[in-house]
Amino acid sequence: MTNSLLSWRERLLEAARDGVHDLGLLALRLWLAQEFVAAGLTKLSGGWQAPEWFAALQFPPLLRALPVDANWTLAGLGEVGLGLALCLGLFSRASALGLLFITWVAVYTVHFDLGWAGWNAIDTEAGQGFKVPLMMAVMLCAIVTQGGGRYAVDAWRQGRAHGLRPA
């Protein structure tokens, strides 16, 4: 009886230790998701036509072939769609990789020329430098390399595919 109680206690402690690691991934996913979904909804709420400031940007060579309005719409749809997928932990690595690409484009076109400007510049006319997008990129890299964790749809899907419960 004592051995079974001890092994039960050990299994519970081990599960708690394993779950804490995945809580960090969940927190990263939720934080990033709300940031990207909010940014995407802001773009989409303005309509399908890009604002003048956006039309004046120099896009990376890969995206210059697209019309400006298509870049605007795809950025908004990508931020919302990939942000929601990241929130759920659905195709976590691919979603984070897609958002990493969107972040790179944003830094290339807008943020880098504004310099390092940090938190105090977010709500000013001067705009936001590349410090915050860089922090978001680092967080996205954690998800690309680690996956969505046990509190993700991916873990449930993987467990179902192998006849297991999520680990």
Protein backbone atom coordinates (compact mmCIF):
# COMPACT_ATOMS: atom_id res chain seq x y z
CA MET A 1 0.00 0.00 0.00
CA THR A 2 2.78 2.43 0.93
CA ASN A 3 4.67 1.68 -2.30
CA SER A 4 1.62 2.39 -4.44
CA LEU A 5 1.03 5.72 -2.66
CA LEU A 6 4.68 6.67 -3.16
CA SER A 7 4.64 5.74 -6.84
CA TRP A 8 1.37 7.66 -7.30
CA ARG A 9 2.94 10.69 -5.63
CA GLU A 10 6.06 10.41 -7.81
CA ARG A 11 3.97 10.14 -10.99
CA LEU A 12 1.98 13.22 -9.96
CA LEU A 13 5.14 15.24 -9.26
CA GLU A 14 6.70 14.14 -12.55
CA ALA A 15 3.58 15.15 -14.47
CA ALA A 16 3.58 18.55 -12.75
CA ARG A 17 7.25 19.11 -13.62
CA ASP A 18 6.63 18.16 -17.27
CA GLY A 19 3.54 20.36 -17.48
CA VAL A 20 5.39 23.47 -16.27
CA HIS A 21 7.68 23.37 -19.33
CA ASP A 22 4.63 23.31 -21.55
CA LEU A 23 2.95 26.16 -19.67
CA GLY A 24 5.75 28.41 -20.91
CA LEU A 25 5.06 27.40 -24.51
CA LEU A 26 1.34 27.97 -23.96
CA ALA A 27 2.05 31.44 -22.55
CA LEU A 28 4.26 32.31 -25.53
CA ARG A 29 1.63 31.06 -27.99
CA LEU A 30 -1.21 33.00 -26.34
CA TRP A 31 0.78 36.22 -26.01
CA LEU A 32 2.00 36.16 -29.59
CA ALA A 33 -1.40 35.10 -30.93
CA GLN A 34 -3.24 38.03 -29.37
CA GLU A 35 -0.60 40.47 -30.67
CA PHE A 36 -0.78 39.17 -34.24
CA VAL A 37 -4.57 38.77 -34.32
CA ALA A 38 -5.00 42.34 -33.05
CA ALA A 39 -2.58 43.68 -35.68
CA GLY A 40 -4.31 41.71 -38.43
CA LEU A 41 -7.78 42.81 -37.39
CA THR A 42 -6.59 46.42 -37.38
CA LYS A 43 -5.41 46.01 -40.96
CA LEU A 44 -8.56 44.24 -42.12
CA SER A 45 -10.90 46.67 -40.36
CA GLY A 46 -9.53 49.41 -42.61
CA GLY A 47 -10.72 47.60 -45.71
CA TRP A 48 -8.97 45.76 -48.51
CA GLN A 49 -7.21 48.86 -49.81
CA ALA A 50 -3.78 49.66 -48.37
CA PRO A 51 -3.36 53.07 -46.75
CA GLU A 52 -1.04 55.60 -48.40
CA TRP A 53 1.77 55.11 -45.89
CA PHE A 54 1.79 51.37 -46.66
CA ALA A 55 1.77 51.94 -50.42
CA ALA A 56 4.95 54.04 -50.11
CA LEU A 57 6.97 51.23 -48.49
CA GLN A 58 9.81 49.37 -50.19
CA PHE A 59 9.00 45.66 -49.96
CA PRO A 60 11.52 42.81 -50.13
CA PRO A 61 12.17 41.61 -53.69
CA LEU A 62 10.02 38.52 -53.14
CA LEU A 63 6.93 40.63 -52.46
CA ARG A 64 7.50 43.57 -54.83
CA ALA A 65 5.74 41.71 -57.64
CA LEU A 66 2.47 41.69 -55.68
CA PRO A 67 0.13 44.68 -55.79
CA VAL A 68 0.29 46.82 -52.65
CA ASP A 69 -3.34 46.03 -51.78
CA ALA A 70 -2.58 42.31 -52.01
CA ASN A 71 0.38 42.72 -49.62
CA TRP A 72 -1.86 44.61 -47.19
CA THR A 73 -4.65 42.04 -47.33
CA LEU A 74 -2.33 39.03 -47.16
CA ALA A 75 -0.53 40.52 -44.17
CA GLY A 76 -3.82 41.07 -42.34
CA LEU A 77 -5.22 37.65 -43.22
CA GLY A 78 -1.90 35.98 -42.36
CA GLU A 79 -1.70 37.68 -38.98
CA VAL A 80 -5.27 36.71 -38.10
CA GLY A 81 -5.24 33.18 -39.52
CA LEU A 82 -1.79 32.17 -38.35
CA GLY A 83 -2.35 33.95 -35.03
CA LEU A 84 -5.52 31.94 -34.39
CA ALA A 85 -3.76 28.72 -35.38
CA LEU A 86 -0.91 29.57 -33.00
CA CYS A 87 -3.40 30.29 -30.21
CA LEU A 88 -4.91 26.83 -30.62
CA GLY A 89 -1.56 25.17 -31.13
CA LEU A 90 -2.65 23.98 -34.57
CA PHE A 91 0.35 23.42 -36.85
CA SER A 92 2.30 25.38 -34.24
CA ARG A 93 5.71 25.24 -35.89
CA ALA A 94 4.40 26.12 -39.35
CA SER A 95 2.19 28.90 -37.93
CA ALA A 96 5.13 30.37 -36.02
CA LEU A 97 7.30 30.13 -39.13
CA GLY A 98 4.66 31.98 -41.18
CA LEU A 99 4.41 34.69 -38.51
CA LEU A 100 8.19 34.90 -38.42
CA PHE A 101 8.13 35.64 -42.15
CA ILE A 102 5.47 38.33 -41.65
CA THR A 103 7.59 39.83 -38.83
CA TRP A 104 10.68 39.84 -41.06
CA VAL A 105 8.76 41.67 -43.79
CA ALA A 106 7.46 44.20 -41.24
CA VAL A 107 10.97 44.87 -39.93
CA TYR A 108 12.37 45.08 -43.48
CA THR A 109 9.70 47.52 -44.69
CA VAL A 110 8.80 49.61 -41.63
CA HIS A 111 10.53 49.03 -38.33
CA PHE A 112 14.23 48.86 -39.15
CA ASP A 113 14.44 52.41 -40.51
CA LEU A 114 12.89 53.67 -37.27
CA GLY A 115 15.86 52.36 -35.29
CA TRP A 116 15.92 50.45 -32.04
CA ALA A 117 13.17 52.59 -30.39
CA GLY A 118 11.60 50.53 -27.66
CA TRP A 119 8.46 50.44 -25.58
CA ASN A 120 8.13 54.19 -25.14
CA ALA A 121 7.69 54.69 -28.88
CA ILE A 122 4.80 52.28 -29.47
CA ASP A 123 2.01 54.83 -29.27
CA THR A 124 3.78 57.86 -30.71
CA GLU A 125 3.81 59.42 -34.15
CA ALA A 126 7.43 58.28 -34.50
CA GLY A 127 6.30 54.67 -34.80
CA GLN A 128 7.82 51.57 -33.34
CA GLY A 129 11.42 50.55 -33.94
CA PHE A 130 12.58 47.00 -34.39
CA LYS A 131 13.09 46.13 -30.70
CA VAL A 132 9.58 44.76 -30.12
CA PRO A 133 9.36 42.85 -33.43
CA LEU A 134 12.78 41.37 -32.65
CA MET A 135 11.51 40.17 -29.26
CA MET A 136 8.47 38.66 -30.97
CA ALA A 137 10.76 36.94 -33.49
CA VAL A 138 12.79 35.38 -30.66
CA MET A 139 9.57 34.09 -29.06
CA LEU A 140 8.43 32.69 -32.41
CA CYS A 141 11.78 30.92 -32.79
CA ALA A 142 11.15 29.15 -29.48
CA ILE A 143 7.88 27.78 -30.87
CA VAL A 144 9.47 26.85 -34.22
CA THR A 145 12.15 24.84 -32.40
CA GLN A 146 10.10 23.47 -29.48
CA GLY A 147 6.63 23.08 -30.97
CA GLY A 148 3.38 24.05 -29.29
CA GLY A 149 3.76 21.87 -26.20
CA ARG A 150 1.30 19.51 -24.56
CA TYR A 151 -1.43 22.16 -24.33
CA ALA A 152 -1.75 22.39 -28.11
CA VAL A 153 -4.10 20.81 -30.63
CA ASP A 154 -0.95 19.39 -32.25
CA ALA A 155 -0.23 17.28 -29.16
CA TRP A 156 -3.78 15.95 -29.13
CA ARG A 157 -3.65 15.16 -32.86
CA GLN A 158 -0.29 13.44 -32.52
CA GLY A 159 -1.52 11.37 -29.58
CA ARG A 160 -4.65 10.35 -31.51
CA ALA A 161 -2.61 9.38 -34.56
CA HIS A 162 -0.46 7.07 -32.43
CA GLY A 163 -3.33 5.84 -30.26
CA LEU A 164 -1.89 7.67 -27.26
CA ARG A 165 -2.97 10.50 -25.06
CA PRO A 166 -1.12 13.85 -25.42
CA ALA A 167 2.29 13.84 -23.73
